[in-house]
Each structure stands twice: as structure tokens, then as C-alpha cells.
């Protein structure tokens, strides 16, 4: 459910795909090439990654996969295997995933909850109840989660304002809420401030266009920065820039990439680059776009890398040999911080299982593996 341009299609799935019977996911293992990775500068060893598969809205098919770097084994549907007594398994629409301390957190959007697991065994430790929860970040013992607060509903007069929930990670309890804009999506933490991309995505054509700034000590909204309509992604670099993606309106206003100066909390500028998903590795901001147009009734799919120090696009395609044409619908991205492999997910037609494709740092394909339905969200696991 991460791309609101797909919302009409997803709402159809609610009525056509919803089922009452229990869905059973069979755990599977597939052997892939292993990776030899040395500890990084902090002497942490990267051991693998988790992948959260969203599943179609209304079908209760969110699943969790794991790739072990040392063995090369790709494990599918590990949550079901580790938690056989959970009747509905992970739930409806996996929207984000993160690791903090010893715990793994999976944001399950339409099930209105966050599943909390042991980060190594994936054993369920509990859940955090937050309505229409979207994205999660962590800071000094707390998880911060964006919430649309209200139901899934396309309505230009939507009345329920969104908020950021503050969650105690030791008790799994929501201890405070801070109101922001309508339909807040991704958030980022810089110093003692939280930045929130307000989308207004349910309120078409009356989109939101601001980034909320929350002071963490007082947990109050202290400012809104005007950027562009229908904001989605946020990534903060080490130079004081916060990169913000706008989806546009899918008609005449295109998707674009913006930046904010976090030292002054002011608008910085814009790059004429469409951006759906962002992943920051060092000073390289990897991105792809699956920009939908109601004018052409088609997707424009692009890939690129932005140099955040120069604030310029350095390549319009990081995939070599024309292999980008083999990807039907990019849906997730991550870069290995050690060997710089690039992992892309392909949601295919959103109905059948998607795939994870691994490219080396030069964009040459290394391997591909079947994932779950609509694979989209990565979390690196360190030992």
C-alpha cells in the first residue's frame, strides 16, 4: 500500500480478494550464492536481511522472508514457521520494517498494528496497536510511527488528521501522540527533531504539501515547511540535507525530488527527477520511479543515482546490459553497505509472487529469487 497512485486498484482488492478462510503459508528455503562480508568500521558483522512482503490489501497475506549472507540460503515465510499458533499470521498489508535493539518491528498497515519479534528467531513478542499505521523510526528507547488515524477512504473532505505515535519499546505502549498533517507517510529523525512527509493522499485533489517538524523533547509540532504536493519519502544525508519525494498529482504535476536544509528548516531546492523510492548509501542516493499517469494510463519507470554533495543526478540508470527491461514493477530497493550490491524487488502484476533481484555495484545481475506477494521493505540484520 505504499504507492497511493495504486489506491483505486487496492480498494478493488478489498472487495474482490477478501476471504474468511485461514491462509496457510508454507516455509521454503532456496539456495543462492553466499556473500563473504567483513565487519564494518564499527566491527559489526552484516549477517543477512529481512524482506517484508506487503500482500494485496484485504487478503491478509503479508509475509516475511530472510536471506542469510553466509550460507546463501533464502528463507520464505519465516514468520509462519516461527509462530505456528498465531491464527492470522502477520496480517493485512506490510508497510514498513525496522530493527531496533534486539527486536524486529513490522508495520502492518490495514491490520492496524505493529508486529514485534525477536530479531534473530522472529518469535513474536507482542504487538503495538496503531490505526492505519504507516512508517516507523527509532530514537533513544522509543519508536515513532506515522498514522493516518482514520479509515482507508478516498474523500476530498477527509476529516481525520494524522499523527505520530510515540511508543515505549520496552512496554509496547503508545505514550504520546503528536498531530501533524493529513495522511502522514515516511518520517526521518535528525538530531532532536522528527520530520514527517504529509501527503493528503486520501484527499485527492486536495493534497497536503508540507513537511512537519516535531521537537522530540516536547513532542510538539514546531513548524511546517512548504515543499510540494503529495509527499512520500524522506532521507537525511550527513550534510544537513533532507531529501523529500513528491508523487505529484498523476496528471499535470509530475513526481519530483526536493531537499530541505535541516540546519535552518527551510526549503532548499528541487531536482527534476521522478522518485518513488529512495535509498541512501554514503553520498549516493539511489532511486527509482514508477510514475503513474492518468493521462497516458501507463507507468513511466526510471532508475537513477543522485550525488547528495553536488545535488545532481549522476546517472539515469544504475542497471547494466539493459536488464532493467526485465523488471515489470520495481517496488523496493536496498544497497549492501559492505560490497555495494544493489537489491531490487519486482512486484510483477501485484497478484502473483514477486522477486528479489541482486545486482553488483556495476549493475550486473548476480541472482534472482522468488519472494512473496508485493515484496517491498528491507531491513539489514547485524550480529
Protein backbone atom coordinates (compact mmCIF):
# COMPACT_ATOMS: atom_id res chain seq x y z
CA UNK A 1 0.00 0.00 0.00
CA UNK A 2 2.94 2.34 -0.22
CA UNK A 3 2.05 3.99 -3.51
CA UNK A 4 -1.20 5.92 -3.40
CA UNK A 5 -1.40 6.01 -7.18
CA UNK A 6 -2.37 2.35 -6.83
CA UNK A 7 -5.05 3.09 -4.25
CA UNK A 8 -8.06 2.66 -6.50
CA UNK A 9 -6.72 -0.73 -7.59
CA UNK A 10 -6.08 -1.73 -3.99
CA UNK A 11 -9.58 -0.75 -2.90
CA UNK A 12 -10.91 -3.12 -5.55
CA UNK A 13 -8.84 -5.87 -3.94
CA UNK A 14 -10.68 -5.27 -0.66
CA UNK A 15 -13.92 -6.39 -2.22
CA UNK A 16 -12.64 -9.00 -4.63
CA UNK A 17 -9.83 -10.65 -2.69
CA UNK A 18 -11.03 -10.61 0.90
CA UNK A 19 -11.63 -14.08 2.22
CA UNK A 20 -12.70 -15.61 5.51
CA UNK A 21 -10.73 -18.82 5.38
CA UNK A 22 -7.34 -19.11 7.03
CA UNK A 23 -4.43 -18.71 4.63
CA UNK A 24 -1.57 -21.15 5.20
CA UNK A 25 1.94 -20.16 4.14
CA UNK A 26 4.46 -22.96 3.69
CA UNK A 27 8.04 -22.12 4.72
CA UNK A 28 10.59 -22.73 1.96
CA UNK A 29 14.36 -22.49 1.53
CA UNK A 30 16.21 -21.76 -1.71
CA UNK A 31 19.98 -21.83 -2.13
CA UNK A 32 21.66 -18.76 -3.61
CA UNK A 33 25.32 -17.65 -3.81
CA UNK A 34 26.66 -16.77 -0.33
CA UNK A 35 28.38 -13.46 0.40
CA UNK A 36 31.72 -13.10 2.21
CA UNK A 37 31.38 -9.91 4.23
CA UNK A 38 33.90 -8.49 6.68
CA UNK A 39 32.94 -6.40 9.74
CA UNK A 40 32.45 -2.69 9.08
CA UNK A 41 34.33 0.16 10.79
CA UNK A 42 32.30 -0.32 13.97
CA UNK A 43 33.17 -4.05 13.97
CA UNK A 44 29.57 -5.02 13.30
CA UNK A 45 29.10 -8.02 11.05
CA UNK A 46 26.31 -7.94 8.50
CA UNK A 47 24.66 -11.36 8.53
CA UNK A 48 21.58 -11.02 6.34
CA UNK A 49 18.43 -9.10 5.53
CA UNK A 50 14.72 -9.39 6.14
CA UNK A 51 12.19 -8.65 3.43
CA UNK A 52 8.59 -7.76 4.25
CA UNK A 53 6.12 -8.71 1.52
CA UNK A 54 3.06 -6.49 1.60
CA UNK A 55 0.42 -8.84 0.21
CA UNK A 56 -2.70 -7.47 -1.51
CA UNK A 57 -4.96 -5.30 0.60
CA UNK A 58 -7.81 -7.30 2.07
CA UNK A 59 -6.13 -10.66 1.54
CA UNK A 60 -4.26 -10.98 4.88
CA UNK A 61 -1.11 -12.11 3.04
CA UNK A 62 1.77 -10.10 4.50
CA UNK A 63 4.77 -12.44 4.84
CA UNK A 64 8.39 -12.25 5.94
CA UNK A 65 11.48 -13.63 4.14
CA UNK A 66 15.14 -13.79 5.19
CA UNK A 67 18.39 -14.05 3.22
CA UNK A 68 21.45 -15.38 5.08
CA UNK A 69 24.65 -13.89 3.63
CA UNK A 70 26.97 -16.59 4.97
CA UNK A 71 25.03 -19.63 3.75
CA UNK A 72 23.34 -18.08 0.71
CA UNK A 73 20.02 -19.52 1.85
CA UNK A 74 16.86 -17.56 1.09
CA UNK A 75 14.09 -18.44 3.55
CA UNK A 76 10.48 -17.71 2.60
CA UNK A 77 7.54 -17.33 5.00
CA UNK A 78 9.63 -17.49 8.17
CA UNK A 79 7.08 -15.76 10.41
CA UNK A 80 4.57 -18.55 9.90
CA UNK A 81 7.18 -21.17 10.70
CA UNK A 82 8.37 -19.40 13.86
CA UNK A 83 4.87 -18.60 15.11
CA UNK A 84 2.55 -21.53 14.24
CA UNK A 85 0.00 -20.62 16.92
CA UNK A 86 -0.75 -17.14 15.54
CA UNK A 87 -4.05 -17.77 13.69
CA UNK A 88 -3.97 -14.94 11.14
CA UNK A 89 -0.20 -14.83 10.81
CA UNK A 90 1.26 -11.39 10.04
CA UNK A 91 -1.88 -9.68 8.81
CA UNK A 92 -3.06 -7.31 6.11
CA UNK A 93 -0.54 -5.15 4.16
CA UNK A 94 3.03 -4.99 5.43
CA UNK A 95 4.05 -1.34 5.00
CA UNK A 96 7.42 -0.94 6.77
CA UNK A 97 10.03 -2.86 8.75
CA UNK A 98 12.82 -1.92 11.12
CA UNK A 99 15.26 -3.32 13.67
CA UNK A 100 15.98 -1.62 17.00
CA UNK A 101 17.96 -3.24 19.80
CA UNK A 102 17.07 -6.91 19.98
CA UNK A 103 13.70 -6.54 18.28
CA UNK A 104 12.31 -6.63 14.75
CA UNK A 105 9.27 -4.45 14.02
CA UNK A 106 6.87 -4.97 11.11
CA UNK A 107 4.26 -2.28 10.43
CA UNK A 108 1.06 -3.98 9.24
CA UNK A 109 -1.00 -1.13 7.86
CA UNK A 110 -4.58 -2.35 7.41
CA UNK A 111 -4.39 -4.67 10.42
CA UNK A 112 -3.74 -1.52 12.47
CA UNK A 113 -0.78 -3.00 14.32
CA UNK A 114 2.96 -3.41 14.54
CA UNK A 115 4.21 -6.95 15.00
CA UNK A 116 7.18 -7.10 17.39
CA UNK A 117 9.56 -10.06 17.09
CA UNK A 118 12.94 -11.24 18.29
CA UNK A 119 15.34 -10.05 15.60
CA UNK A 120 17.16 -13.39 15.35
CA UNK A 121 14.44 -16.01 15.94
CA UNK A 122 11.43 -14.00 14.64
CA UNK A 123 9.45 -15.28 17.61
CA UNK A 124 6.52 -12.98 18.28
CA UNK A 125 6.96 -10.84 21.38
CA UNK A 126 3.79 -8.79 21.12
CA UNK A 127 2.05 -6.12 19.10
CA UNK A 128 1.54 -2.37 19.16
CA UNK A 129 -1.95 -1.18 18.23
CA UNK A 130 -1.97 1.92 16.00
CA UNK A 131 -4.74 2.63 13.46
CA UNK A 132 -3.73 2.83 9.79
CA UNK A 133 -0.04 2.82 10.75
CA UNK A 134 2.47 3.62 8.01
CA UNK A 135 6.20 4.05 8.80
CA UNK A 136 8.49 3.60 11.80
CA UNK A 137 11.75 5.12 13.11
CA UNK A 138 13.59 4.79 16.44
CA UNK A 139 15.29 7.18 18.86
CA UNK A 140 16.56 6.80 22.43
CA UNK A 141 14.31 3.95 23.55
CA UNK A 142 11.21 4.96 21.63
CA UNK A 143 9.64 4.05 18.33
CA UNK A 144 7.95 6.80 16.35
CA UNK A 145 5.18 5.71 13.99
CA UNK A 146 3.13 7.70 11.47
CA UNK A 147 -0.60 7.04 11.46
CA UNK A 148 -3.32 8.12 9.05
CA UNK A 149 -5.57 7.73 12.12
CA UNK A 150 -8.74 7.23 10.08
CA UNK A 151 -10.10 4.59 7.71
CA UNK A 152 -8.97 3.83 4.15
CA UNK A 153 -11.19 6.22 2.24
CA UNK A 154 -10.75 8.45 -0.81
CA UNK A 155 -12.51 11.65 0.20
CA UNK A 156 -11.54 15.26 -0.62
CA UNK A 157 -13.28 16.28 2.63
CA UNK A 158 -11.48 13.71 4.80
CA UNK A 159 -11.73 14.98 8.38
CA UNK A 160 -9.35 12.81 10.40
CA UNK A 161 -5.95 14.47 10.76
CA UNK A 162 -2.90 12.21 11.08
CA UNK A 163 -0.40 11.91 13.90
CA UNK A 164 2.93 10.48 15.01
CA UNK A 165 2.72 7.97 17.84
CA UNK A 166 5.50 7.73 20.45
CA UNK A 167 5.90 4.12 21.60
CA UNK A 168 7.88 2.84 24.57
CA UNK A 169 9.89 -0.05 23.10
CA UNK A 170 10.13 -1.79 26.50
CA UNK A 171 6.36 -1.93 27.11
CA UNK A 172 4.96 -1.67 23.54
CA UNK A 173 2.62 1.07 24.79
CA UNK A 174 1.78 4.30 22.98
CA UNK A 175 2.75 7.00 25.49
CA UNK A 176 2.05 10.15 23.43
CA UNK A 177 0.70 11.40 20.11
CA UNK A 178 1.63 14.47 18.09
CA UNK A 179 -0.82 15.75 15.48
CA UNK A 180 0.66 16.58 12.07
CA UNK A 181 -0.95 16.86 8.60
CA UNK A 182 -3.35 14.62 6.72
CA UNK A 183 -2.12 11.14 5.78
CA UNK A 184 1.48 11.42 7.06
CA UNK A 185 3.84 8.99 5.36
CA UNK A 186 7.56 8.46 5.89
CA UNK A 187 9.39 10.13 8.76
CA UNK A 188 13.05 10.84 9.48
CA UNK A 189 14.91 11.75 12.67
CA UNK A 190 17.70 14.34 12.62
CA UNK A 191 19.16 15.33 15.98
CA UNK A 192 16.27 16.08 18.31
CA UNK A 193 13.74 16.64 15.55
CA UNK A 194 11.35 14.40 13.64
CA UNK A 195 10.45 15.30 10.07
CA UNK A 196 7.18 13.98 8.64
CA UNK A 197 6.05 13.92 4.99
CA UNK A 198 2.38 14.92 4.91
CA UNK A 199 0.73 13.51 1.78
CA UNK A 200 -3.00 14.17 1.95
CA UNK A 201 -3.14 11.16 -0.35
CA UNK A 202 -6.73 10.24 0.51
CA UNK A 203 -7.91 13.80 -0.22
CA UNK A 204 -7.31 13.95 -3.97
CA UNK A 205 -7.24 16.55 -5.45
CA UNK A 206 -6.74 18.44 -2.16
CA UNK A 207 -3.27 17.09 -1.38
CA UNK A 208 -1.10 18.22 1.52
CA UNK A 209 2.22 19.89 0.61
CA UNK A 210 4.23 20.26 3.82
CA UNK A 211 6.83 18.54 5.97
CA UNK A 212 6.01 18.73 9.68
CA UNK A 213 8.86 19.35 12.12
CA UNK A 214 8.43 17.84 15.59
CA UNK A 215 10.59 18.80 18.57
CA UNK A 216 11.36 15.49 20.29
CA UNK A 217 11.90 16.72 23.88
CA UNK A 218 8.50 18.44 23.99
CA UNK A 219 6.96 16.15 21.35
CA UNK A 220 5.15 19.03 19.71
CA UNK A 221 4.94 20.19 16.11
CA UNK A 222 7.02 23.37 15.89
CA UNK A 223 6.93 24.12 12.17
CA UNK A 224 5.66 23.12 8.75
CA UNK A 225 7.86 23.52 5.70
CA UNK A 226 6.14 24.06 2.37
CA UNK A 227 7.60 21.70 -0.26
CA UNK A 228 5.24 20.17 -2.88
CA UNK A 229 2.03 18.19 -3.10
CA UNK A 230 1.55 14.55 -2.15
CA UNK A 231 4.84 13.99 -0.30
CA UNK A 232 6.03 10.48 0.46
CA UNK A 233 9.70 9.59 1.13
CA UNK A 234 12.31 11.20 3.41
CA UNK A 235 16.05 10.52 3.65
CA UNK A 236 18.52 12.63 5.65
CA UNK A 237 22.14 12.80 4.48
CA UNK A 238 25.17 13.69 6.64
CA UNK A 239 25.47 17.16 5.12
CA UNK A 240 22.31 18.60 6.67
CA UNK A 241 20.01 17.91 3.74
CA UNK A 242 16.67 16.12 3.99
CA UNK A 243 15.63 14.60 0.67
CA UNK A 244 11.89 14.56 0.03
CA UNK A 245 9.93 12.86 -2.75
CA UNK A 246 6.66 14.13 -4.17
CA UNK A 247 4.32 11.85 -6.10
CA UNK A 248 2.69 14.77 -7.94
CA UNK A 249 -0.98 14.56 -8.92
CA UNK A 250 -0.69 11.84 -11.63
CA UNK A 251 -1.96 14.31 -14.24
CA UNK A 252 -0.08 17.55 -14.93
CA UNK A 253 2.12 17.88 -11.83
CA UNK A 254 4.96 15.35 -12.10
CA UNK A 255 6.80 13.46 -9.39
CA UNK A 256 9.91 15.34 -8.26
CA UNK A 257 12.74 15.19 -5.73
CA UNK A 258 13.30 18.07 -3.28
CA UNK A 259 15.61 18.87 -0.41
CA UNK A 260 15.28 20.77 2.87
CA UNK A 261 18.11 22.40 4.84
CA UNK A 262 17.74 20.86 8.32
CA UNK A 263 20.07 23.44 9.86
CA UNK A 264 17.55 26.20 9.12
CA UNK A 265 14.46 24.06 8.44
CA UNK A 266 13.88 25.84 5.16
CA UNK A 267 13.14 24.73 1.61
CA UNK A 268 16.36 24.06 -0.29
CA UNK A 269 15.54 23.25 -3.87
CA UNK A 270 14.33 20.72 -6.43
CA UNK A 271 15.79 18.24 -8.87
CA UNK A 272 13.70 17.47 -11.99
CA UNK A 273 13.83 13.75 -11.22
CA UNK A 274 10.85 11.47 -10.61
CA UNK A 275 11.22 9.48 -7.39
CA UNK A 276 9.07 6.75 -5.89
CA UNK A 277 11.56 5.07 -3.54
CA UNK A 278 14.85 6.33 -2.10
CA UNK A 279 17.82 4.56 -0.52
CA UNK A 280 20.81 6.49 0.79
CA UNK A 281 24.24 4.83 0.82
CA UNK A 282 27.00 7.25 1.79
CA UNK A 283 26.67 10.23 -0.53
CA UNK A 284 24.77 8.26 -3.18
CA UNK A 285 21.01 8.49 -3.16
CA UNK A 286 19.66 5.55 -5.16
CA UNK A 287 16.16 5.94 -6.53
CA UNK A 288 13.63 4.51 -8.89
CA UNK A 289 10.30 5.84 -10.07
CA UNK A 290 7.12 4.07 -11.12
CA UNK A 291 5.25 7.22 -12.04
CA UNK A 292 1.62 6.60 -12.97
CA UNK A 293 -0.22 8.96 -15.32
CA UNK A 294 -3.99 9.11 -15.69
CA UNK A 295 -3.36 10.94 -18.96
CA UNK A 296 -1.36 8.17 -20.65
CA UNK A 297 -2.85 5.43 -18.41
CA UNK A 298 0.61 3.92 -18.03
CA UNK A 299 3.68 3.84 -15.77
CA UNK A 300 6.95 5.61 -16.54
CA UNK A 301 9.68 3.52 -14.91
CA UNK A 302 13.10 5.08 -14.33
CA UNK A 303 16.21 4.47 -12.21
CA UNK A 304 18.96 6.82 -11.04
CA UNK A 305 21.59 7.91 -8.53
CA UNK A 306 21.87 11.41 -7.07
CA UNK A 307 25.14 12.75 -5.64
CA UNK A 308 23.87 14.47 -2.48
CA UNK A 309 27.02 16.61 -2.13
CA UNK A 310 26.65 18.08 -5.61
CA UNK A 311 22.84 17.87 -5.62
CA UNK A 312 22.82 16.46 -9.11
CA UNK A 313 21.78 13.30 -10.91
CA UNK A 314 24.94 11.39 -11.81
CA UNK A 315 23.32 8.50 -13.67
CA UNK A 316 19.88 7.83 -15.10
CA UNK A 317 20.29 4.08 -14.88
CA UNK A 318 22.34 2.02 -12.42
CA UNK A 319 21.42 -1.31 -14.08
CA UNK A 320 23.73 -2.60 -16.82
CA UNK A 321 23.13 -4.55 -20.03
CA UNK A 322 19.52 -3.47 -20.45
CA UNK A 323 18.38 -5.74 -17.61
CA UNK A 324 16.06 -3.07 -16.27
CA UNK A 325 13.67 -4.17 -19.01
CA UNK A 326 13.25 -7.49 -17.22
CA UNK A 327 11.74 -5.73 -14.18
CA UNK A 328 7.98 -5.37 -14.50
CA UNK A 329 7.29 -3.18 -11.46
CA UNK A 330 10.11 -2.04 -9.11
CA UNK A 331 8.79 -1.93 -5.56
CA UNK A 332 11.70 -1.91 -3.11
CA UNK A 333 15.40 -1.06 -3.05
CA UNK A 334 18.37 -1.52 -0.73
CA UNK A 335 22.16 -1.25 -1.11
CA UNK A 336 24.57 -3.54 0.74
CA UNK A 337 26.79 -1.15 2.76
CA UNK A 338 29.78 -3.54 2.58
CA UNK A 339 30.08 -4.78 -1.02
CA UNK A 340 27.62 -2.26 -2.58
CA UNK A 341 25.37 -4.90 -4.12
CA UNK A 342 22.00 -3.45 -5.13
CA UNK A 343 18.82 -5.32 -4.24
CA UNK A 344 15.63 -4.51 -6.15
CA UNK A 345 12.25 -6.10 -5.71
CA UNK A 346 9.78 -6.66 -8.53
CA UNK A 347 6.08 -6.71 -7.63
CA UNK A 348 5.25 -8.06 -11.11
CA UNK A 349 1.46 -7.81 -11.61
CA UNK A 350 0.64 -7.37 -7.87
CA UNK A 351 -1.26 -10.68 -7.87
CA UNK A 352 1.35 -13.42 -8.12
CA UNK A 353 4.59 -13.70 -6.10
CA UNK A 354 7.23 -11.11 -6.86
CA UNK A 355 11.02 -11.39 -6.88
CA UNK A 356 14.24 -10.08 -5.38
CA UNK A 357 17.00 -9.31 -7.89
CA UNK A 358 20.59 -8.75 -6.80
CA UNK A 359 22.94 -6.61 -8.92
CA UNK A 360 26.59 -5.97 -8.19
CA UNK A 361 27.91 -2.43 -7.76
CA UNK A 362 28.32 -2.15 -11.53
CA UNK A 363 24.70 -3.03 -12.16
CA UNK A 364 25.32 -6.57 -13.43
CA UNK A 365 22.85 -9.20 -12.31
CA UNK A 366 24.13 -11.76 -9.78
CA UNK A 367 21.00 -13.68 -8.87
CA UNK A 368 17.22 -13.61 -8.65
CA UNK A 369 14.84 -15.36 -6.29
CA UNK A 370 11.09 -15.65 -5.86
CA UNK A 371 9.69 -13.66 -2.95
CA UNK A 372 6.15 -13.22 -1.61
CA UNK A 373 3.28 -11.12 -2.92
CA UNK A 374 4.32 -7.47 -3.46
CA UNK A 375 7.80 -7.58 -1.88
CA UNK A 376 8.78 -4.11 -0.77
CA UNK A 377 10.59 -3.44 2.51
CA UNK A 378 14.12 -4.41 3.60
CA UNK A 379 15.87 -4.45 6.98
CA UNK A 380 19.57 -5.30 7.34
CA UNK A 381 20.50 -7.64 10.19
CA UNK A 382 23.81 -7.22 12.04
CA UNK A 383 25.39 -9.62 14.51
